[in-house]
Amino acid sequence: MAAGLPVVVTLNGGGSDDILDHGRTGLYCGVDPASIADGLQRLIDDPGVTRGWARAVGVDVARRRYGQDRYRSGIMRVYDSLCSPAD
């Protein structure tokens, strides 16, 4: 997503379930090979639409959620909480 490319993600209860917006930033599929192949085939069959999803939304979502600024501010929150005087 961060590279501006559509993604195919398996629904498996992991972190990807929180990242992808199905039909907007990529496609969800099942964990079986046939479902994964169907998702990939959809990207191959209609690259214009799926690239549009990724460029329009995916890059922005990836940068907001996982970019350097968010990472840096999260680390600083941890440091601040560790360095704060105990009440």
PDB file of N, CA and C in Angstrom:
ATOM      1  N   MET A   1       0.822  -1.193   0.000  1.00  0.00           N
ATOM      2  CA  MET A   1       0.000   0.000   0.000  1.00  0.00           C
ATOM      3  C   MET A   1       0.861   1.250   0.000  1.00  0.00           C
ATOM      4  N   ALA A   2       1.910   1.252   0.797  1.00  0.00           N
ATOM      5  CA  ALA A   2       2.774   2.430   0.891  1.00  0.00           C
ATOM      6  C   ALA A   2       3.460   2.726  -0.436  1.00  0.00           C
ATOM      7  N   ALA A   3       3.614   1.721  -1.293  1.00  0.00           N
ATOM      8  CA  ALA A   3       4.239   1.913  -2.591  1.00  0.00           C
ATOM      9  C   ALA A   3       3.235   2.332  -3.662  1.00  0.00           C
ATOM     10  N   GLY A   4       1.960   2.497  -3.271  1.00  0.00           N
ATOM     11  CA  GLY A   4       0.943   2.883  -4.232  1.00  0.00           C
ATOM     12  C   GLY A   4       0.460   1.733  -5.091  1.00  0.00           C
ATOM     13  N   LEU A   5       0.586   0.523  -4.571  1.00  0.00           N
ATOM     14  CA  LEU A   5       0.156  -0.665  -5.299  1.00  0.00           C
ATOM     15  C   LEU A   5      -0.974  -1.345  -4.549  1.00  0.00           C
ATOM     16  N   PRO A   6      -1.912  -1.951  -5.264  1.00  0.00           N
ATOM     17  CA  PRO A   6      -2.989  -2.670  -4.589  1.00  0.00           C
ATOM     18  C   PRO A   6      -2.448  -3.921  -3.914  1.00  0.00           C
ATOM     19  N   VAL A   7      -3.114  -4.365  -2.882  1.00  0.00           N
ATOM     20  CA  VAL A   7      -2.691  -5.552  -2.155  1.00  0.00           C
ATOM     21  C   VAL A   7      -3.831  -6.554  -2.063  1.00  0.00           C
ATOM     22  N   VAL A   8      -3.450  -7.817  -1.964  1.00  0.00           N
ATOM     23  CA  VAL A   8      -4.386  -8.904  -1.699  1.00  0.00           C
ATOM     24  C   VAL A   8      -3.987  -9.463  -0.350  1.00  0.00           C
ATOM     25  N   VAL A   9      -4.922  -9.498   0.576  1.00  0.00           N
ATOM     26  CA  VAL A   9      -4.634  -9.861   1.962  1.00  0.00           C
ATOM     27  C   VAL A   9      -5.587 -10.955   2.400  1.00  0.00           C
ATOM     28  N   THR A  10      -5.067 -11.964   3.108  1.00  0.00           N
ATOM     29  CA  THR A  10      -5.938 -13.006   3.637  1.00  0.00           C
ATOM     30  C   THR A  10      -6.563 -12.540   4.948  1.00  0.00           C
ATOM     31  N   LEU A  11      -7.811 -12.873   5.119  1.00  0.00           N
ATOM     32  CA  LEU A  11      -8.506 -12.617   6.383  1.00  0.00           C
ATOM     33  C   LEU A  11      -8.126 -13.735   7.331  1.00  0.00           C
ATOM     34  N   ASN A  12      -7.279 -13.409   8.303  1.00  0.00           N
ATOM     35  CA  ASN A  12      -6.808 -14.471   9.187  1.00  0.00           C
ATOM     36  C   ASN A  12      -6.758 -14.049  10.652  1.00  0.00           C
ATOM     37  N   GLY A  13      -7.338 -12.919  10.969  1.00  0.00           N
ATOM     38  CA  GLY A  13      -7.353 -12.482  12.355  1.00  0.00           C
ATOM     39  C   GLY A  13      -6.096 -11.755  12.779  1.00  0.00           C
ATOM     40  N   GLY A  14      -5.187 -11.492  11.838  1.00  0.00           N
ATOM     41  CA  GLY A  14      -3.948 -10.784  12.159  1.00  0.00           C
ATOM     42  C   GLY A  14      -4.076  -9.288  11.947  1.00  0.00           C
ATOM     43  N   GLY A  15      -2.959  -8.609  11.956  1.00  0.00           N
ATOM     44  CA  GLY A  15      -2.931  -7.165  11.824  1.00  0.00           C
ATOM     45  C   GLY A  15      -3.483  -6.654  10.507  1.00  0.00           C
ATOM     46  N   SER A  16      -3.358  -7.455   9.451  1.00  0.00           N
ATOM     47  CA  SER A  16      -3.858  -7.007   8.152  1.00  0.00           C
ATOM     48  C   SER A  16      -5.362  -6.778   8.176  1.00  0.00           C
ATOM     49  N   ASP A  17      -6.062  -7.446   9.073  1.00  0.00           N
ATOM     50  CA  ASP A  17      -7.515  -7.263   9.163  1.00  0.00           C
ATOM     51  C   ASP A  17      -7.868  -5.847   9.588  1.00  0.00           C
ATOM     52  N   ASP A  18      -6.955  -5.157  10.235  1.00  0.00           N
ATOM     53  CA  ASP A  18      -7.196  -3.783  10.669  1.00  0.00           C
ATOM     54  C   ASP A  18      -6.695  -2.758   9.663  1.00  0.00           C
ATOM     55  N   ILE A  19      -5.870  -3.160   8.735  1.00  0.00           N
ATOM     56  CA  ILE A  19      -5.211  -2.235   7.830  1.00  0.00           C
ATOM     57  C   ILE A  19      -6.024  -1.997   6.566  1.00  0.00           C
ATOM     58  N   LEU A  20      -6.461  -3.055   5.941  1.00  0.00           N
ATOM     59  CA  LEU A  20      -7.066  -2.971   4.621  1.00  0.00           C
ATOM     60  C   LEU A  20      -8.526  -2.561   4.680  1.00  0.00           C
ATOM     61  N   ASP A  21      -8.916  -1.732   3.749  1.00  0.00           N
ATOM     62  CA  ASP A  21     -10.318  -1.375   3.545  1.00  0.00           C
ATOM     63  C   ASP A  21     -10.722  -2.044   2.230  1.00  0.00           C
ATOM     64  N   HIS A  22     -11.399  -3.189   2.333  1.00  0.00           N
ATOM     65  CA  HIS A  22     -11.719  -4.018   1.169  1.00  0.00           C
ATOM     66  C   HIS A  22     -12.426  -3.204   0.080  1.00  0.00           C
ATOM     67  N   GLY A  23     -11.882  -3.301  -1.125  1.00  0.00           N
ATOM     68  CA  GLY A  23     -12.464  -2.589  -2.253  1.00  0.00           C
ATOM     69  C   GLY A  23     -12.044  -1.133  -2.339  1.00  0.00           C
ATOM     70  N   ARG A  24     -11.269  -0.695  -1.385  1.00  0.00           N
ATOM     71  CA  ARG A  24     -10.815   0.695  -1.372  1.00  0.00           C
ATOM     72  C   ARG A  24      -9.296   0.791  -1.403  1.00  0.00           C
ATOM     73  N   THR A  25      -8.622  -0.034  -0.631  1.00  0.00           N
ATOM     74  CA  THR A  25      -7.159  -0.040  -0.613  1.00  0.00           C
ATOM     75  C   THR A  25      -6.593  -1.384  -1.068  1.00  0.00           C
ATOM     76  N   GLY A  26      -7.448  -2.318  -1.353  1.00  0.00           N
ATOM     77  CA  GLY A  26      -7.025  -3.636  -1.807  1.00  0.00           C
ATOM     78  C   GLY A  26      -8.149  -4.625  -1.666  1.00  0.00           C
ATOM     79  N   LEU A  27      -7.810  -5.895  -1.670  1.00  0.00           N
ATOM     80  CA  LEU A  27      -8.809  -6.962  -1.620  1.00  0.00           C
ATOM     81  C   LEU A  27      -8.505  -7.956  -0.513  1.00  0.00           C
ATOM     82  N   TYR A  28      -9.542  -8.363   0.189  1.00  0.00           N
ATOM     83  CA  TYR A  28      -9.426  -9.479   1.124  1.00  0.00           C
ATOM     84  C   TYR A  28      -9.752 -10.765   0.384  1.00  0.00           C
ATOM     85  N   CYS A  29      -9.145 -11.848   0.816  1.00  0.00           N
ATOM     86  CA  CYS A  29      -9.473 -13.159   0.278  1.00  0.00           C
ATOM     87  C   CYS A  29      -9.341 -14.170   1.400  1.00  0.00           C
ATOM     88  N   GLY A  30      -9.786 -15.370   1.136  1.00  0.00           N
ATOM     89  CA  GLY A  30      -9.637 -16.442   2.101  1.00  0.00           C
ATOM     90  C   GLY A  30      -8.199 -16.944   2.108  1.00  0.00           C
ATOM     91  N   VAL A  31      -7.892 -17.832   3.023  1.00  0.00           N
ATOM     92  CA  VAL A  31      -6.519 -18.340   3.137  1.00  0.00           C
ATOM     93  C   VAL A  31      -6.227 -19.492   2.179  1.00  0.00           C
ATOM     94  N   ASP A  32      -7.239 -20.008   1.510  1.00  0.00           N
ATOM     95  CA  ASP A  32      -7.022 -21.125   0.591  1.00  0.00           C
ATOM     96  C   ASP A  32      -6.411 -20.611  -0.724  1.00  0.00           C
ATOM     97  N   PRO A  33      -5.597 -21.417  -1.364  1.00  0.00           N
ATOM     98  CA  PRO A  33      -4.912 -20.995  -2.591  1.00  0.00           C
ATOM     99  C   PRO A  33      -5.852 -20.495  -3.690  1.00  0.00           C
ATOM    100  N   ALA A  34      -7.009 -21.118  -3.840  1.00  0.00           N
ATOM    101  CA  ALA A  34      -7.942 -20.695  -4.895  1.00  0.00           C
ATOM    102  C   ALA A  34      -8.449 -19.275  -4.647  1.00  0.00           C
ATOM    103  N   SER A  35      -8.717 -18.939  -3.401  1.00  0.00           N
ATOM    104  CA  SER A  35      -9.192 -17.602  -3.062  1.00  0.00           C
ATOM    105  C   SER A  35      -8.099 -16.560  -3.292  1.00  0.00           C
ATOM    106  N   ILE A  36      -6.873 -16.901  -2.920  1.00  0.00           N
ATOM    107  CA  ILE A  36      -5.743 -15.998  -3.152  1.00  0.00           C
ATOM    108  C   ILE A  36      -5.550 -15.791  -4.651  1.00  0.00           C
ATOM    109  N   ALA A  37      -5.621 -16.872  -5.407  1.00  0.00           N
ATOM    110  CA  ALA A  37      -5.470 -16.781  -6.865  1.00  0.00           C
ATOM    111  C   ALA A  37      -6.567 -15.915  -7.469  1.00  0.00           C
ATOM    112  N   ASP A  38      -7.797 -16.054  -6.980  1.00  0.00           N
ATOM    113  CA  ASP A  38      -8.905 -15.219  -7.482  1.00  0.00           C
ATOM    114  C   ASP A  38      -8.650 -13.743  -7.221  1.00  0.00           C
ATOM    115  N   GLY A  39      -8.145 -13.420  -6.029  1.00  0.00           N
ATOM    116  CA  GLY A  39      -7.842 -12.025  -5.704  1.00  0.00           C
ATOM    117  C   GLY A  39      -6.754 -11.464  -6.597  1.00  0.00           C
ATOM    118  N   LEU A  40      -5.708 -12.237  -6.798  1.00  0.00           N
ATOM    119  CA  LEU A  40      -4.628 -11.802  -7.677  1.00  0.00           C
ATOM    120  C   LEU A  40      -5.106 -11.664  -9.114  1.00  0.00           C
ATOM    121  N   GLN A  41      -5.949 -12.586  -9.540  1.00  0.00           N
ATOM    122  CA  GLN A  41      -6.473 -12.523 -10.911  1.00  0.00           C
ATOM    123  C   GLN A  41      -7.311 -11.271 -11.104  1.00  0.00           C
ATOM    124  N   ARG A  42      -8.047 -10.883 -10.086  1.00  0.00           N
ATOM    125  CA  ARG A  42      -8.846  -9.652 -10.184  1.00  0.00           C
ATOM    126  C   ARG A  42      -7.942  -8.439 -10.402  1.00  0.00           C
ATOM    127  N   LEU A  43      -6.808  -8.390  -9.720  1.00  0.00           N
ATOM    128  CA  LEU A  43      -5.855  -7.291  -9.931  1.00  0.00           C
ATOM    129  C   LEU A  43      -5.295  -7.320 -11.349  1.00  0.00           C
ATOM    130  N   ILE A  44      -5.013  -8.515 -11.831  1.00  0.00           N
ATOM    131  CA  ILE A  44      -4.467  -8.655 -13.184  1.00  0.00           C
ATOM    132  C   ILE A  44      -5.497  -8.253 -14.226  1.00  0.00           C
ATOM    133  N   ASP A  45      -6.748  -8.671 -14.027  1.00  0.00           N
ATOM    134  CA  ASP A  45      -7.804  -8.405 -15.001  1.00  0.00           C
ATOM    135  C   ASP A  45      -8.217  -6.944 -15.061  1.00  0.00           C
ATOM    136  N   ASP A  46      -8.067  -6.217 -13.979  1.00  0.00           N
ATOM    137  CA  ASP A  46      -8.540  -4.830 -13.944  1.00  0.00           C
ATOM    138  C   ASP A  46      -7.515  -3.937 -13.249  1.00  0.00           C
ATOM    139  N   PRO A  47      -6.320  -3.809 -13.807  1.00  0.00           N
ATOM    140  CA  PRO A  47      -5.252  -3.071 -13.124  1.00  0.00           C
ATOM    141  C   PRO A  47      -5.548  -1.587 -12.947  1.00  0.00           C
ATOM    142  N   GLY A  48      -6.284  -0.979 -13.854  1.00  0.00           N
ATOM    143  CA  GLY A  48      -6.573   0.448 -13.739  1.00  0.00           C
ATOM    144  C   GLY A  48      -7.385   0.785 -12.501  1.00  0.00           C
ATOM    145  N   VAL A  49      -8.429   0.035 -12.265  1.00  0.00           N
ATOM    146  CA  VAL A  49      -9.285   0.287 -11.107  1.00  0.00           C
ATOM    147  C   VAL A  49      -8.533   0.015  -9.811  1.00  0.00           C
ATOM    148  N   THR A  50      -7.881  -1.113  -9.734  1.00  0.00           N
ATOM    149  CA  THR A  50      -7.225  -1.467  -8.487  1.00  0.00           C
ATOM    150  C   THR A  50      -6.021  -0.576  -8.205  1.00  0.00           C
ATOM    151  N   ARG A  51      -5.293  -0.148  -9.225  1.00  0.00           N
ATOM    152  CA  ARG A  51      -4.201   0.803  -8.997  1.00  0.00           C
ATOM    153  C   ARG A  51      -4.755   2.137  -8.529  1.00  0.00           C
ATOM    154  N   GLY A  52      -5.902   2.496  -9.039  1.00  0.00           N
ATOM    155  CA  GLY A  52      -6.555   3.731  -8.598  1.00  0.00           C
ATOM    156  C   GLY A  52      -6.898   3.681  -7.118  1.00  0.00           C
ATOM    157  N   TRP A  53      -7.362   2.531  -6.649  1.00  0.00           N
ATOM    158  CA  TRP A  53      -7.649   2.376  -5.216  1.00  0.00           C
ATOM    159  C   TRP A  53      -6.394   2.656  -4.415  1.00  0.00           C
ATOM    160  N   ALA A  54      -5.335   1.969  -4.803  1.00  0.00           N
ATOM    161  CA  ALA A  54      -4.098   2.051  -4.029  1.00  0.00           C
ATOM    162  C   ALA A  54      -3.514   3.456  -4.056  1.00  0.00           C
ATOM    163  N   ARG A  55      -3.508   4.095  -5.212  1.00  0.00           N
ATOM    164  CA  ARG A  55      -2.944   5.438  -5.296  1.00  0.00           C
ATOM    165  C   ARG A  55      -3.791   6.439  -4.546  1.00  0.00           C
ATOM    166  N   ALA A  56      -5.096   6.323  -4.684  1.00  0.00           N
ATOM    167  CA  ALA A  56      -5.991   7.316  -4.090  1.00  0.00           C
ATOM    168  C   ALA A  56      -6.056   7.223  -2.579  1.00  0.00           C
ATOM    169  N   VAL A  57      -6.021   6.027  -2.062  1.00  0.00           N
ATOM    170  CA  VAL A  57      -6.272   5.828  -0.639  1.00  0.00           C
ATOM    171  C   VAL A  57      -5.154   5.085   0.071  1.00  0.00           C
ATOM    172  N   GLY A  58      -4.641   4.049  -0.541  1.00  0.00           N
ATOM    173  CA  GLY A  58      -3.686   3.162   0.122  1.00  0.00           C
ATOM    174  C   GLY A  58      -2.433   3.851   0.615  1.00  0.00           C
ATOM    175  N   VAL A  59      -1.845   4.695  -0.215  1.00  0.00           N
ATOM    176  CA  VAL A  59      -0.616   5.380   0.187  1.00  0.00           C
ATOM    177  C   VAL A  59      -0.892   6.266   1.399  1.00  0.00           C
ATOM    178  N   ASP A  60      -1.986   7.011   1.345  1.00  0.00           N
ATOM    179  CA  ASP A  60      -2.326   7.900   2.459  1.00  0.00           C
ATOM    180  C   ASP A  60      -2.572   7.119   3.744  1.00  0.00           C
ATOM    181  N   VAL A  61      -3.318   6.033   3.644  1.00  0.00           N
ATOM    182  CA  VAL A  61      -3.597   5.209   4.819  1.00  0.00           C
ATOM    183  C   VAL A  61      -2.308   4.646   5.403  1.00  0.00           C
ATOM    184  N   ALA A  62      -1.454   4.113   4.555  1.00  0.00           N
ATOM    185  CA  ALA A  62      -0.193   3.534   5.032  1.00  0.00           C
ATOM    186  C   ALA A  62       0.676   4.589   5.704  1.00  0.00           C
ATOM    187  N   ARG A  63       0.752   5.763   5.120  1.00  0.00           N
ATOM    188  CA  ARG A  63       1.577   6.817   5.713  1.00  0.00           C
ATOM    189  C   ARG A  63       1.016   7.321   7.034  1.00  0.00           C
ATOM    190  N   ARG A  64      -0.307   7.484   7.099  1.00  0.00           N
ATOM    191  CA  ARG A  64      -0.918   7.966   8.355  1.00  0.00           C
ATOM    192  C   ARG A  64      -0.761   6.941   9.471  1.00  0.00           C
ATOM    193  N   ARG A  65      -0.999   5.691   9.161  1.00  0.00           N
ATOM    194  CA  ARG A  65      -0.972   4.655  10.198  1.00  0.00           C
ATOM    195  C   ARG A  65       0.428   4.174  10.556  1.00  0.00           C
ATOM    196  N   TYR A  66       1.334   4.159   9.571  1.00  0.00           N
ATOM    197  CA  TYR A  66       2.621   3.512   9.792  1.00  0.00           C
ATOM    198  C   TYR A  66       3.815   4.360   9.372  1.00  0.00           C
ATOM    199  N   GLY A  67       3.600   5.629   9.125  1.00  0.00           N
ATOM    200  CA  GLY A  67       4.679   6.508   8.696  1.00  0.00           C
ATOM    201  C   GLY A  67       5.613   6.876   9.837  1.00  0.00           C
ATOM    202  N   GLN A  68       6.697   7.525   9.477  1.00  0.00           N
ATOM    203  CA  GLN A  68       7.719   7.902  10.449  1.00  0.00           C
ATOM    204  C   GLN A  68       7.175   8.810  11.541  1.00  0.00           C
ATOM    205  N   ASP A  69       6.326   9.756  11.182  1.00  0.00           N
ATOM    206  CA  ASP A  69       5.806  10.683  12.187  1.00  0.00           C
ATOM    207  C   ASP A  69       4.984   9.965  13.248  1.00  0.00           C
ATOM    208  N   ARG A  70       4.135   9.054  12.823  1.00  0.00           N
ATOM    209  CA  ARG A  70       3.326   8.316  13.798  1.00  0.00           C
ATOM    210  C   ARG A  70       4.209   7.407  14.657  1.00  0.00           C
ATOM    211  N   TYR A  71       5.148   6.753  14.039  1.00  0.00           N
ATOM    212  CA  TYR A  71       6.065   5.883  14.777  1.00  0.00           C
ATOM    213  C   TYR A  71       6.835   6.702  15.811  1.00  0.00           C
ATOM    214  N   ARG A  72       7.372   7.823  15.371  1.00  0.00           N
ATOM    215  CA  ARG A  72       8.161   8.679  16.257  1.00  0.00           C
ATOM    216  C   ARG A  72       7.320   9.185  17.431  1.00  0.00           C
ATOM    217  N   SER A  73       6.109   9.635  17.161  1.00  0.00           N
ATOM    218  CA  SER A  73       5.269  10.139  18.253  1.00  0.00           C
ATOM    219  C   SER A  73       4.872   9.025  19.214  1.00  0.00           C
ATOM    220  N   GLY A  74       4.676   7.811  18.695  1.00  0.00           N
ATOM    221  CA  GLY A  74       4.369   6.684  19.572  1.00  0.00           C
ATOM    222  C   GLY A  74       5.516   6.345  20.499  1.00  0.00           C
ATOM    223  N   ILE A  75       6.719   6.351  19.947  1.00  0.00           N
ATOM    224  CA  ILE A  75       7.906   6.086  20.771  1.00  0.00           C
ATOM    225  C   ILE A  75       8.061   7.171  21.837  1.00  0.00           C
ATOM    226  N   MET A  76       7.833   8.412  21.460  1.00  0.00           N
ATOM    227  CA  MET A  76       7.960   9.518  22.422  1.00  0.00           C
ATOM    228  C   MET A  76       6.927   9.397  23.546  1.00  0.00           C
ATOM    229  N   ARG A  77       5.729   8.934  23.218  1.00  0.00           N
ATOM    230  CA  ARG A  77       4.711   8.725  24.269  1.00  0.00           C
ATOM    231  C   ARG A  77       5.182   7.679  25.264  1.00  0.00           C
ATOM    232  N   VAL A  78       5.793   6.617  24.764  1.00  0.00           N
ATOM    233  CA  VAL A  78       6.312   5.573  25.656  1.00  0.00           C
ATOM    234  C   VAL A  78       7.413   6.148  26.539  1.00  0.00           C
ATOM    235  N   TYR A  79       8.350   6.858  25.952  1.00  0.00           N
ATOM    236  CA  TYR A  79       9.446   7.462  26.727  1.00  0.00           C
ATOM    237  C   TYR A  79       8.892   8.435  27.770  1.00  0.00           C
ATOM    238  N   ASP A  80       7.937   9.265  27.354  1.00  0.00           N
ATOM    239  CA  ASP A  80       7.352  10.221  28.296  1.00  0.00           C
ATOM    240  C   ASP A  80       6.688   9.506  29.462  1.00  0.00           C
ATOM    241  N   SER A  81       5.980   8.414  29.184  1.00  0.00           N
ATOM    242  CA  SER A  81       5.305   7.708  30.260  1.00  0.00           C
ATOM    243  C   SER A  81       6.319   7.040  31.211  1.00  0.00           C
ATOM    244  N   LEU A  82       7.450   6.600  30.674  1.00  0.00           N
ATOM    245  CA  LEU A  82       8.473   5.970  31.502  1.00  0.00           C
ATOM    246  C   LEU A  82       9.262   6.982  32.327  1.00  0.00           C
ATOM    247  N   CYS A  83       9.362   8.191  31.799  1.00  0.00           N
ATOM    248  CA  CYS A  83      10.159   9.229  32.467  1.00  0.00           C
ATOM    249  C   CYS A  83       9.330  10.117  33.399  1.00  0.00           C
ATOM    250  N   SER A  84       8.017   9.957  33.371  1.00  0.00           N
ATOM    251  CA  SER A  84       7.157  10.778  34.216  1.00  0.00           C
ATOM    252  C   SER A  84       7.318  10.353  35.677  1.00  0.00           C
ATOM    253  N   PRO A  85       7.319  11.327  36.584  1.00  0.00           N
ATOM    254  CA  PRO A  85       7.419  10.960  38.001  1.00  0.00           C
ATOM    255  C   PRO A  85       6.202  10.152  38.440  1.00  0.00           C
ATOM    256  N   ALA A  86       6.426   9.183  39.289  1.00  0.00           N
ATOM    257  CA  ALA A  86       5.330   8.350  39.805  1.00  0.00           C
ATOM    258  C   ALA A  86       4.469   9.164  40.745  1.00  0.00           C
ATOM    259  N   ASP A  87       3.181   8.939  40.686  1.00  0.00           N
ATOM    260  CA  ASP A  87       2.240   9.651  41.592  1.00  0.00           C
ATOM    261  C   ASP A  87       2.102   8.948  42.890  1.00  0.00           C
TER     262      ASP A  87
END
